[in-house]
């Protein structure tokens, strides 16, 4: 009895011993995340230009959002961003990881596979501002891409890639794929490092094709990594700002405007702080709901596996 009492006392003392180490992080989290988050929600119920005292207007900002065609267009562009930053990099990254692990590494050596993986990851290392300027030089009407097309005789394909409203969003999506692909590839390659190569060798000896090995071994083994990449890249796509700001500034017109850039525009250009805060609040709610859906699906899959 004395031993169990002392054990409980030691456990409670140990738990209390972590408290001083948790306080700085908790204070920082409240000051940097929770505090501004609550202030943003409060500002969304006001009409304020950033100077003077805000005027409470209730749900007026949210009612205006419901009939704001620019906002709903920005939401559609956010869905396009999810396709470009999550779905496409996830699919291509999964295929590339399988090729590097199951084909390139076994036939050309691990060093060749690592070099190719590093090359694909390079865009993740570049600052977004630098990458945006680089692609701006490539895609502008007198840029590298059109010059290359002219040089090989494809004059009909020299287009205003980021100045034409019909092409700007597709061009921006292509840049987003380029930026995000390396992240998915590295995560999947890390996941494959824990897979026993004997599975692939045995399947190959049995006559299984590469696609069969990809479907029967790679995808099931990488389910946890697929979930992580899907969740993190979807969240990143919903709040994407830097590529849009650097490359197109939401233009031409509103062709590439996303919710984050629209909120920034109202905060700092129209000085409608309350309206911008309402946009970010709705954006946050959408992100939280999708995150909860992802977590629920993962939890259900884990329960079924157990």
C-alpha atoms as a PDB file:
ATOM      1  CA  UNK A   1       0.000   0.000   0.000  1.00  0.00           C
ATOM      2  CA  UNK A   2       2.793   2.371   0.902  1.00  0.00           C
ATOM      3  CA  UNK A   3       4.541   1.520  -2.344  1.00  0.00           C
ATOM      4  CA  UNK A   4       1.474   2.303  -4.495  1.00  0.00           C
ATOM      5  CA  UNK A   5       0.908   5.568  -2.624  1.00  0.00           C
ATOM      6  CA  UNK A   6       4.483   6.658  -3.204  1.00  0.00           C
ATOM      7  CA  UNK A   7       4.181   5.684  -6.887  1.00  0.00           C
ATOM      8  CA  UNK A   8       1.079   7.877  -7.316  1.00  0.00           C
ATOM      9  CA  UNK A   9       2.808  10.735  -5.538  1.00  0.00           C
ATOM     10  CA  UNK A  10       5.858  10.382  -7.761  1.00  0.00           C
ATOM     11  CA  UNK A  11       3.635  10.316 -10.850  1.00  0.00           C
ATOM     12  CA  UNK A  12       1.795  13.464  -9.871  1.00  0.00           C
ATOM     13  CA  UNK A  13       5.069  15.156  -9.002  1.00  0.00           C
ATOM     14  CA  UNK A  14       6.497  14.143 -12.373  1.00  0.00           C
ATOM     15  CA  UNK A  15       3.471  15.555 -14.213  1.00  0.00           C
ATOM     16  CA  UNK A  16       3.742  18.806 -12.307  1.00  0.00           C
ATOM     17  CA  UNK A  17       7.434  18.921 -13.141  1.00  0.00           C
ATOM     18  CA  UNK A  18       6.635  19.397 -16.839  1.00  0.00           C
ATOM     19  CA  UNK A  19       4.490  22.467 -16.156  1.00  0.00           C
ATOM     20  CA  UNK A  20       7.313  25.075 -16.152  1.00  0.00           C
ATOM     21  CA  UNK A  21       8.466  23.797 -19.538  1.00  0.00           C
ATOM     22  CA  UNK A  22       4.958  23.967 -21.030  1.00  0.00           C
ATOM     23  CA  UNK A  23       4.142  27.491 -19.854  1.00  0.00           C
ATOM     24  CA  UNK A  24       6.387  29.414 -22.329  1.00  0.00           C
ATOM     25  CA  UNK A  25       4.987  27.490 -25.288  1.00  0.00           C
ATOM     26  CA  UNK A  26       1.418  27.926 -24.055  1.00  0.00           C
ATOM     27  CA  UNK A  27       1.916  31.663 -23.559  1.00  0.00           C
ATOM     28  CA  UNK A  28       3.414  31.991 -27.032  1.00  0.00           C
ATOM     29  CA  UNK A  29       0.567  29.971 -28.562  1.00  0.00           C
ATOM     30  CA  UNK A  30      -2.041  32.160 -26.870  1.00  0.00           C
ATOM     31  CA  UNK A  31      -0.248  35.379 -27.849  1.00  0.00           C
ATOM     32  CA  UNK A  32       0.545  34.432 -31.446  1.00  0.00           C
ATOM     33  CA  UNK A  33      -2.380  32.158 -32.432  1.00  0.00           C
ATOM     34  CA  UNK A  34      -5.365  32.272 -30.075  1.00  0.00           C
ATOM     35  CA  UNK A  35      -5.269  36.024 -29.376  1.00  0.00           C
ATOM     36  CA  UNK A  36      -5.135  37.198 -33.032  1.00  0.00           C
ATOM     37  CA  UNK A  37      -7.666  34.524 -33.960  1.00  0.00           C
ATOM     38  CA  UNK A  38     -10.224  35.850 -31.457  1.00  0.00           C
ATOM     39  CA  UNK A  39      -9.470  39.443 -32.487  1.00  0.00           C
ATOM     40  CA  UNK A  40     -10.048  38.518 -36.142  1.00  0.00           C
ATOM     41  CA  UNK A  41     -13.433  36.987 -35.350  1.00  0.00           C
ATOM     42  CA  UNK A  42     -14.366  40.082 -33.354  1.00  0.00           C
ATOM     43  CA  UNK A  43     -13.286  42.378 -36.208  1.00  0.00           C
ATOM     44  CA  UNK A  44     -15.436  40.408 -38.665  1.00  0.00           C
ATOM     45  CA  UNK A  45     -18.548  41.756 -36.899  1.00  0.00           C
ATOM     46  CA  UNK A  46     -17.468  45.365 -37.317  1.00  0.00           C
ATOM     47  CA  UNK A  47     -17.071  48.022 -39.978  1.00  0.00           C
ATOM     48  CA  UNK A  48     -13.574  49.401 -39.579  1.00  0.00           C
ATOM     49  CA  UNK A  49     -10.975  50.992 -41.811  1.00  0.00           C
ATOM     50  CA  UNK A  50      -8.079  50.221 -39.473  1.00  0.00           C
ATOM     51  CA  UNK A  51      -8.132  53.669 -37.852  1.00  0.00           C
ATOM     52  CA  UNK A  52     -10.290  54.848 -34.984  1.00  0.00           C
ATOM     53  CA  UNK A  53     -12.922  52.817 -33.195  1.00  0.00           C
ATOM     54  CA  UNK A  54     -14.608  49.869 -34.982  1.00  0.00           C
ATOM     55  CA  UNK A  55     -18.385  50.070 -35.400  1.00  0.00           C
ATOM     56  CA  UNK A  56     -20.342  46.903 -34.606  1.00  0.00           C
ATOM     57  CA  UNK A  57     -22.504  45.824 -37.569  1.00  0.00           C
ATOM     58  CA  UNK A  58     -23.453  42.270 -36.578  1.00  0.00           C
ATOM     59  CA  UNK A  59     -23.587  39.813 -39.465  1.00  0.00           C
ATOM     60  CA  UNK A  60     -23.551  42.464 -42.208  1.00  0.00           C
ATOM     61  CA  UNK A  61     -20.123  41.422 -43.496  1.00  0.00           C
ATOM     62  CA  UNK A  62     -21.168  37.769 -43.727  1.00  0.00           C
ATOM     63  CA  UNK A  63     -24.426  38.679 -45.473  1.00  0.00           C
ATOM     64  CA  UNK A  64     -22.433  40.662 -48.049  1.00  0.00           C
ATOM     65  CA  UNK A  65     -20.120  37.688 -48.557  1.00  0.00           C
ATOM     66  CA  UNK A  66     -23.063  35.493 -49.516  1.00  0.00           C
ATOM     67  CA  UNK A  67     -23.860  37.730 -52.495  1.00  0.00           C
ATOM     68  CA  UNK A  68     -20.269  38.690 -53.368  1.00  0.00           C
ATOM     69  CA  UNK A  69     -19.524  37.044 -56.717  1.00  0.00           C
ATOM     70  CA  UNK A  70     -15.808  37.832 -56.347  1.00  0.00           C
ATOM     71  CA  UNK A  71     -15.658  35.866 -53.090  1.00  0.00           C
ATOM     72  CA  UNK A  72     -17.352  32.817 -54.601  1.00  0.00           C
ATOM     73  CA  UNK A  73     -15.063  33.031 -57.618  1.00  0.00           C
ATOM     74  CA  UNK A  74     -12.129  33.081 -55.197  1.00  0.00           C
ATOM     75  CA  UNK A  75     -13.532  29.946 -53.508  1.00  0.00           C
ATOM     76  CA  UNK A  76     -13.611  28.185 -56.894  1.00  0.00           C
ATOM     77  CA  UNK A  77     -10.004  29.230 -57.432  1.00  0.00           C
ATOM     78  CA  UNK A  78      -9.177  27.774 -54.001  1.00  0.00           C
ATOM     79  CA  UNK A  79     -10.652  24.456 -55.158  1.00  0.00           C
ATOM     80  CA  UNK A  80      -8.419  24.676 -58.225  1.00  0.00           C
ATOM     81  CA  UNK A  81      -5.497  25.285 -55.857  1.00  0.00           C
ATOM     82  CA  UNK A  82      -6.391  22.102 -53.962  1.00  0.00           C
ATOM     83  CA  UNK A  83      -6.237  20.201 -57.248  1.00  0.00           C
ATOM     84  CA  UNK A  84      -2.881  21.783 -58.143  1.00  0.00           C
ATOM     85  CA  UNK A  85      -1.222  21.633 -54.720  1.00  0.00           C
ATOM     86  CA  UNK A  86      -2.727  18.436 -53.305  1.00  0.00           C
ATOM     87  CA  UNK A  87      -4.325  15.985 -55.728  1.00  0.00           C
ATOM     88  CA  UNK A  88      -1.923  16.273 -58.678  1.00  0.00           C
ATOM     89  CA  UNK A  89       1.326  16.340 -56.624  1.00  0.00           C
ATOM     90  CA  UNK A  90       0.017  13.458 -54.510  1.00  0.00           C
ATOM     91  CA  UNK A  91      -0.706  11.286 -57.554  1.00  0.00           C
ATOM     92  CA  UNK A  92       2.481  12.186 -59.447  1.00  0.00           C
ATOM     93  CA  UNK A  93       4.608  12.022 -56.294  1.00  0.00           C
ATOM     94  CA  UNK A  94       3.290   8.563 -55.493  1.00  0.00           C
ATOM     95  CA  UNK A  95       4.120   7.288 -58.990  1.00  0.00           C
ATOM     96  CA  UNK A  96       7.564   8.923 -59.012  1.00  0.00           C
ATOM     97  CA  UNK A  97       8.392   7.560 -55.553  1.00  0.00           C
ATOM     98  CA  UNK A  98       7.455   4.062 -56.666  1.00  0.00           C
ATOM     99  CA  UNK A  99       9.545   4.411 -59.853  1.00  0.00           C
ATOM    100  CA  UNK A 100      12.578   5.708 -57.949  1.00  0.00           C
ATOM    101  CA  UNK A 101      12.317   3.035 -55.261  1.00  0.00           C
ATOM    102  CA  UNK A 102      11.198   0.007 -57.248  1.00  0.00           C
ATOM    103  CA  UNK A 103      12.917   0.643 -60.607  1.00  0.00           C
ATOM    104  CA  UNK A 104      15.604   3.358 -60.627  1.00  0.00           C
ATOM    105  CA  UNK A 105      17.211   2.359 -57.331  1.00  0.00           C
ATOM    106  CA  UNK A 106      17.415  -1.348 -58.189  1.00  0.00           C
ATOM    107  CA  UNK A 107      18.750  -0.818 -61.726  1.00  0.00           C
ATOM    108  CA  UNK A 108      20.825   2.367 -61.536  1.00  0.00           C
ATOM    109  CA  UNK A 109      21.754   2.472 -57.863  1.00  0.00           C
ATOM    110  CA  UNK A 110      20.633   4.330 -54.763  1.00  0.00           C
ATOM    111  CA  UNK A 111      22.804   7.366 -55.570  1.00  0.00           C
ATOM    112  CA  UNK A 112      20.974   7.985 -58.851  1.00  0.00           C
ATOM    113  CA  UNK A 113      17.642   7.660 -57.049  1.00  0.00           C
ATOM    114  CA  UNK A 114      18.757  10.115 -54.331  1.00  0.00           C
ATOM    115  CA  UNK A 115      20.011  12.633 -56.915  1.00  0.00           C
ATOM    116  CA  UNK A 116      16.690  12.580 -58.754  1.00  0.00           C
ATOM    117  CA  UNK A 117      14.793  12.924 -55.478  1.00  0.00           C
ATOM    118  CA  UNK A 118      16.908  15.961 -54.556  1.00  0.00           C
ATOM    119  CA  UNK A 119      16.272  17.498 -57.987  1.00  0.00           C
ATOM    120  CA  UNK A 120      12.515  17.171 -57.559  1.00  0.00           C
ATOM    121  CA  UNK A 121      12.751  18.640 -54.045  1.00  0.00           C
ATOM    122  CA  UNK A 122      14.733  21.700 -55.155  1.00  0.00           C
ATOM    123  CA  UNK A 123      11.622  23.931 -55.656  1.00  0.00           C
ATOM    124  CA  UNK A 124      10.784  23.431 -51.967  1.00  0.00           C
ATOM    125  CA  UNK A 125      14.130  24.967 -51.015  1.00  0.00           C
ATOM    126  CA  UNK A 126      13.717  28.076 -53.151  1.00  0.00           C
ATOM    127  CA  UNK A 127      12.007  31.068 -51.488  1.00  0.00           C
ATOM    128  CA  UNK A 128       8.541  31.541 -52.973  1.00  0.00           C
ATOM    129  CA  UNK A 129       9.402  35.117 -53.981  1.00  0.00           C
ATOM    130  CA  UNK A 130      12.392  33.887 -55.990  1.00  0.00           C
ATOM    131  CA  UNK A 131      10.362  31.086 -57.580  1.00  0.00           C
ATOM    132  CA  UNK A 132       7.595  33.555 -58.456  1.00  0.00           C
ATOM    133  CA  UNK A 133      10.011  35.952 -60.134  1.00  0.00           C
ATOM    134  CA  UNK A 134      11.618  33.050 -61.987  1.00  0.00           C
ATOM    135  CA  UNK A 135       8.285  31.856 -63.368  1.00  0.00           C
ATOM    136  CA  UNK A 136       7.261  35.427 -64.134  1.00  0.00           C
ATOM    137  CA  UNK A 137      10.302  35.695 -66.421  1.00  0.00           C
ATOM    138  CA  UNK A 138       9.466  32.335 -67.994  1.00  0.00           C
ATOM    139  CA  UNK A 139       5.745  32.949 -68.594  1.00  0.00           C
ATOM    140  CA  UNK A 140       5.544  36.594 -69.578  1.00  0.00           C
ATOM    141  CA  UNK A 141       4.841  37.346 -73.271  1.00  0.00           C
ATOM    142  CA  UNK A 142       8.525  37.976 -74.056  1.00  0.00           C
ATOM    143  CA  UNK A 143       9.750  35.372 -71.613  1.00  0.00           C
ATOM    144  CA  UNK A 144      11.763  32.190 -71.916  1.00  0.00           C
ATOM    145  CA  UNK A 145       8.868  29.875 -72.767  1.00  0.00           C
ATOM    146  CA  UNK A 146       7.623  31.931 -75.714  1.00  0.00           C
ATOM    147  CA  UNK A 147      11.200  32.520 -76.907  1.00  0.00           C
ATOM    148  CA  UNK A 148      11.795  28.760 -76.858  1.00  0.00           C
ATOM    149  CA  UNK A 149       8.564  28.089 -78.752  1.00  0.00           C
ATOM    150  CA  UNK A 150       9.550  30.710 -81.339  1.00  0.00           C
ATOM    151  CA  UNK A 151      13.002  29.158 -81.694  1.00  0.00           C
ATOM    152  CA  UNK A 152      11.598  25.716 -82.540  1.00  0.00           C
ATOM    153  CA  UNK A 153       8.991  27.088 -84.932  1.00  0.00           C
ATOM    154  CA  UNK A 154       5.877  26.768 -82.753  1.00  0.00           C
ATOM    155  CA  UNK A 155       4.807  30.385 -83.172  1.00  0.00           C
ATOM    156  CA  UNK A 156       1.116  29.514 -82.807  1.00  0.00           C
ATOM    157  CA  UNK A 157       1.731  28.400 -79.227  1.00  0.00           C
ATOM    158  CA  UNK A 158       3.330  31.651 -78.036  1.00  0.00           C
ATOM    159  CA  UNK A 159       0.668  32.924 -75.651  1.00  0.00           C
ATOM    160  CA  UNK A 160       0.269  35.466 -72.883  1.00  0.00           C
ATOM    161  CA  UNK A 161       0.383  32.769 -70.217  1.00  0.00           C
ATOM    162  CA  UNK A 162      -0.263  34.910 -67.130  1.00  0.00           C
ATOM    163  CA  UNK A 163      -1.856  37.923 -68.815  1.00  0.00           C
ATOM    164  CA  UNK A 164      -4.758  36.118 -70.467  1.00  0.00           C
ATOM    165  CA  UNK A 165      -7.683  35.537 -68.054  1.00  0.00           C
ATOM    166  CA  UNK A 166      -8.380  32.183 -69.713  1.00  0.00           C
ATOM    167  CA  UNK A 167      -4.821  30.938 -69.197  1.00  0.00           C
ATOM    168  CA  UNK A 168      -3.652  32.657 -66.006  1.00  0.00           C
ATOM    169  CA  UNK A 169      -5.253  30.225 -63.557  1.00  0.00           C
ATOM    170  CA  UNK A 170      -4.000  27.165 -65.457  1.00  0.00           C
ATOM    171  CA  UNK A 171      -0.495  28.661 -65.604  1.00  0.00           C
ATOM    172  CA  UNK A 172      -0.593  29.393 -61.879  1.00  0.00           C
ATOM    173  CA  UNK A 173      -1.777  25.832 -61.186  1.00  0.00           C
ATOM    174  CA  UNK A 174       1.185  24.505 -63.158  1.00  0.00           C
ATOM    175  CA  UNK A 175       3.571  26.545 -61.008  1.00  0.00           C
ATOM    176  CA  UNK A 176       1.843  25.252 -57.861  1.00  0.00           C
ATOM    177  CA  UNK A 177       2.322  21.661 -59.001  1.00  0.00           C
ATOM    178  CA  UNK A 178       6.009  22.366 -59.612  1.00  0.00           C
ATOM    179  CA  UNK A 179       6.364  23.921 -56.160  1.00  0.00           C
ATOM    180  CA  UNK A 180       4.575  21.152 -54.255  1.00  0.00           C
ATOM    181  CA  UNK A 181       5.657  17.986 -56.049  1.00  0.00           C
ATOM    182  CA  UNK A 182       8.971  17.630 -54.208  1.00  0.00           C
ATOM    183  CA  UNK A 183       7.289  17.642 -50.799  1.00  0.00           C
ATOM    184  CA  UNK A 184       4.996  14.736 -51.664  1.00  0.00           C
ATOM    185  CA  UNK A 185       7.842  12.799 -53.286  1.00  0.00           C
ATOM    186  CA  UNK A 186      10.153  13.108 -50.276  1.00  0.00           C
ATOM    187  CA  UNK A 187       7.428  12.017 -47.841  1.00  0.00           C
ATOM    188  CA  UNK A 188       6.584   8.978 -49.965  1.00  0.00           C
ATOM    189  CA  UNK A 189      10.247   8.048 -50.408  1.00  0.00           C
ATOM    190  CA  UNK A 190      10.677   8.235 -46.626  1.00  0.00           C
ATOM    191  CA  UNK A 191       7.675   5.951 -46.227  1.00  0.00           C
ATOM    192  CA  UNK A 192       9.046   3.458 -48.726  1.00  0.00           C
ATOM    193  CA  UNK A 193      12.328   3.295 -46.813  1.00  0.00           C
ATOM    194  CA  UNK A 194      10.535   1.262 -44.143  1.00  0.00           C
ATOM    195  CA  UNK A 195       9.191  -1.238 -46.703  1.00  0.00           C
ATOM    196  CA  UNK A 196      11.171  -4.450 -47.052  1.00  0.00           C
ATOM    197  CA  UNK A 197      12.521  -4.649 -50.649  1.00  0.00           C
ATOM    198  CA  UNK A 198      11.962  -8.394 -50.449  1.00  0.00           C
ATOM    199  CA  UNK A 199       8.253  -7.776 -51.103  1.00  0.00           C
ATOM    200  CA  UNK A 200       9.069  -6.234 -54.478  1.00  0.00           C
ATOM    201  CA  UNK A 201      11.679  -8.863 -55.298  1.00  0.00           C
ATOM    202  CA  UNK A 202       9.288 -11.713 -54.521  1.00  0.00           C
ATOM    203  CA  UNK A 203       6.502 -10.100 -56.549  1.00  0.00           C
ATOM    204  CA  UNK A 204       8.859  -9.535 -59.503  1.00  0.00           C
ATOM    205  CA  UNK A 205      10.047 -13.155 -59.371  1.00  0.00           C
ATOM    206  CA  UNK A 206       6.388 -14.243 -59.425  1.00  0.00           C
ATOM    207  CA  UNK A 207       5.939 -12.258 -62.633  1.00  0.00           C
ATOM    208  CA  UNK A 208       4.072  -9.266 -61.244  1.00  0.00           C
ATOM    209  CA  UNK A 209       4.307  -6.195 -63.449  1.00  0.00           C
ATOM    210  CA  UNK A 210       5.445  -2.809 -62.118  1.00  0.00           C
ATOM    211  CA  UNK A 211       1.857  -1.562 -62.033  1.00  0.00           C
ATOM    212  CA  UNK A 212       0.729  -4.645 -60.115  1.00  0.00           C
ATOM    213  CA  UNK A 213       3.478  -4.109 -57.545  1.00  0.00           C
ATOM    214  CA  UNK A 214       2.521  -0.428 -57.340  1.00  0.00           C
ATOM    215  CA  UNK A 215      -1.147  -1.261 -56.740  1.00  0.00           C
ATOM    216  CA  UNK A 216      -0.697  -4.242 -54.411  1.00  0.00           C
ATOM    217  CA  UNK A 217       2.366  -3.179 -52.393  1.00  0.00           C
ATOM    218  CA  UNK A 218       3.210   0.498 -52.706  1.00  0.00           C
ATOM    219  CA  UNK A 219      -0.215   2.060 -52.196  1.00  0.00           C
ATOM    220  CA  UNK A 220      -1.250  -0.113 -49.204  1.00  0.00           C
ATOM    221  CA  UNK A 221       2.129   0.403 -47.526  1.00  0.00           C
ATOM    222  CA  UNK A 222       1.970   4.187 -47.983  1.00  0.00           C
ATOM    223  CA  UNK A 223      -1.551   4.797 -46.675  1.00  0.00           C
ATOM    224  CA  UNK A 224      -0.325   6.745 -43.588  1.00  0.00           C
ATOM    225  CA  UNK A 225       1.920   8.946 -45.742  1.00  0.00           C
ATOM    226  CA  UNK A 226      -0.844   9.484 -48.302  1.00  0.00           C
ATOM    227  CA  UNK A 227      -3.089  10.738 -45.512  1.00  0.00           C
ATOM    228  CA  UNK A 228      -0.412  13.101 -44.161  1.00  0.00           C
ATOM    229  CA  UNK A 229       0.395  14.535 -47.595  1.00  0.00           C
ATOM    230  CA  UNK A 230      -3.285  14.894 -48.473  1.00  0.00           C
ATOM    231  CA  UNK A 231      -4.098  16.728 -45.247  1.00  0.00           C
ATOM    232  CA  UNK A 232      -1.116  19.063 -45.153  1.00  0.00           C
ATOM    233  CA  UNK A 233      -1.204  19.984 -48.841  1.00  0.00           C
ATOM    234  CA  UNK A 234      -4.972  20.586 -48.775  1.00  0.00           C
ATOM    235  CA  UNK A 235      -4.585  22.973 -45.847  1.00  0.00           C
ATOM    236  CA  UNK A 236      -1.694  24.704 -47.639  1.00  0.00           C
ATOM    237  CA  UNK A 237      -3.806  25.039 -50.807  1.00  0.00           C
ATOM    238  CA  UNK A 238      -6.788  26.529 -48.986  1.00  0.00           C
ATOM    239  CA  UNK A 239      -4.630  29.271 -47.503  1.00  0.00           C
ATOM    240  CA  UNK A 240      -2.267  29.753 -50.461  1.00  0.00           C
ATOM    241  CA  UNK A 241      -1.153  33.354 -50.840  1.00  0.00           C
ATOM    242  CA  UNK A 242       2.515  33.831 -51.744  1.00  0.00           C
ATOM    243  CA  UNK A 243       2.509  32.338 -55.299  1.00  0.00           C
ATOM    244  CA  UNK A 244      -0.583  34.359 -56.197  1.00  0.00           C
ATOM    245  CA  UNK A 245       0.818  37.566 -54.721  1.00  0.00           C
ATOM    246  CA  UNK A 246       4.218  37.250 -56.368  1.00  0.00           C
ATOM    247  CA  UNK A 247       3.183  35.927 -59.776  1.00  0.00           C
ATOM    248  CA  UNK A 248      -0.218  37.441 -60.656  1.00  0.00           C
ATOM    249  CA  UNK A 249      -1.492  39.592 -57.745  1.00  0.00           C
ATOM    250  CA  UNK A 250      -4.888  37.980 -58.281  1.00  0.00           C
ATOM    251  CA  UNK A 251      -5.096  39.126 -61.891  1.00  0.00           C
ATOM    252  CA  UNK A 252      -5.694  39.640 -64.646  1.00  0.00           C
ATOM    253  CA  UNK A 253      -8.927  41.040 -63.241  1.00  0.00           C
ATOM    254  CA  UNK A 254      -9.959  38.461 -60.654  1.00  0.00           C
ATOM    255  CA  UNK A 255      -8.867  35.449 -62.712  1.00  0.00           C
ATOM    256  CA  UNK A 256      -6.482  34.092 -60.049  1.00  0.00           C
ATOM    257  CA  UNK A 257      -7.861  35.660 -56.864  1.00  0.00           C
ATOM    258  CA  UNK A 258      -8.035  33.242 -53.919  1.00  0.00           C
ATOM    259  CA  UNK A 259      -9.622  33.902 -50.497  1.00  0.00           C
ATOM    260  CA  UNK A 260      -6.305  34.715 -48.808  1.00  0.00           C
ATOM    261  CA  UNK A 261      -5.410  37.293 -51.440  1.00  0.00           C
ATOM    262  CA  UNK A 262      -8.950  38.714 -51.415  1.00  0.00           C
ATOM    263  CA  UNK A 263      -8.741  39.198 -47.648  1.00  0.00           C
ATOM    264  CA  UNK A 264      -5.326  40.856 -48.036  1.00  0.00           C
ATOM    265  CA  UNK A 265      -6.762  43.137 -50.729  1.00  0.00           C
ATOM    266  CA  UNK A 266      -9.590  44.307 -48.492  1.00  0.00           C
ATOM    267  CA  UNK A 267      -7.299  44.696 -45.472  1.00  0.00           C
ATOM    268  CA  UNK A 268      -4.673  46.835 -47.173  1.00  0.00           C
ATOM    269  CA  UNK A 269      -6.217  48.303 -50.346  1.00  0.00           C
ATOM    270  CA  UNK A 270      -9.895  49.013 -49.704  1.00  0.00           C
ATOM    271  CA  UNK A 271      -9.308  49.357 -45.914  1.00  0.00           C
ATOM    272  CA  UNK A 272     -12.393  47.226 -45.239  1.00  0.00           C
ATOM    273  CA  UNK A 273     -10.825  45.434 -42.304  1.00  0.00           C
ATOM    274  CA  UNK A 274     -14.069  43.926 -41.044  1.00  0.00           C
ATOM    275  CA  UNK A 275     -14.888  42.465 -44.451  1.00  0.00           C
ATOM    276  CA  UNK A 276     -11.392  41.038 -44.831  1.00  0.00           C
ATOM    277  CA  UNK A 277     -11.696  39.512 -41.345  1.00  0.00           C
ATOM    278  CA  UNK A 278     -14.990  37.875 -42.340  1.00  0.00           C
ATOM    279  CA  UNK A 279     -13.297  36.300 -45.369  1.00  0.00           C
ATOM    280  CA  UNK A 280     -10.476  34.861 -43.248  1.00  0.00           C
ATOM    281  CA  UNK A 281     -12.969  33.570 -40.679  1.00  0.00           C
ATOM    282  CA  UNK A 282     -14.936  31.677 -43.342  1.00  0.00           C
ATOM    283  CA  UNK A 283     -11.664  30.399 -44.796  1.00  0.00           C
ATOM    284  CA  UNK A 284     -10.629  29.142 -41.356  1.00  0.00           C
ATOM    285  CA  UNK A 285     -13.974  27.368 -40.849  1.00  0.00           C
ATOM    286  CA  UNK A 286     -13.674  25.603 -44.215  1.00  0.00           C
ATOM    287  CA  UNK A 287     -10.120  24.503 -43.353  1.00  0.00           C
ATOM    288  CA  UNK A 288     -11.142  23.205 -39.911  1.00  0.00           C
ATOM    289  CA  UNK A 289     -14.105  21.269 -41.328  1.00  0.00           C
ATOM    290  CA  UNK A 290     -11.946  19.606 -43.998  1.00  0.00           C
ATOM    291  CA  UNK A 291      -9.282  18.821 -41.390  1.00  0.00           C
ATOM    292  CA  UNK A 292     -11.869  17.143 -39.161  1.00  0.00           C
ATOM    293  CA  UNK A 293     -13.139  15.127 -42.129  1.00  0.00           C
ATOM    294  CA  UNK A 294      -9.592  13.947 -42.892  1.00  0.00           C
ATOM    295  CA  UNK A 295      -9.058  12.979 -39.239  1.00  0.00           C
ATOM    296  CA  UNK A 296     -12.383  11.148 -39.117  1.00  0.00           C
ATOM    297  CA  UNK A 297     -11.593   9.163 -42.261  1.00  0.00           C
ATOM    298  CA  UNK A 298      -8.144   8.236 -40.919  1.00  0.00           C
ATOM    299  CA  UNK A 299      -9.606   7.206 -37.582  1.00  0.00           C
ATOM    300  CA  UNK A 300     -12.168   4.990 -39.280  1.00  0.00           C
ATOM    301  CA  UNK A 301      -9.512   3.361 -41.470  1.00  0.00           C
ATOM    302  CA  UNK A 302      -7.330   2.728 -38.420  1.00  0.00           C
ATOM    303  CA  UNK A 303     -10.242   1.101 -36.568  1.00  0.00           C
ATOM    304  CA  UNK A 304     -11.010  -1.120 -39.553  1.00  0.00           C
ATOM    305  CA  UNK A 305      -7.344  -2.142 -39.827  1.00  0.00           C
ATOM    306  CA  UNK A 306      -7.256  -3.084 -36.135  1.00  0.00           C
END
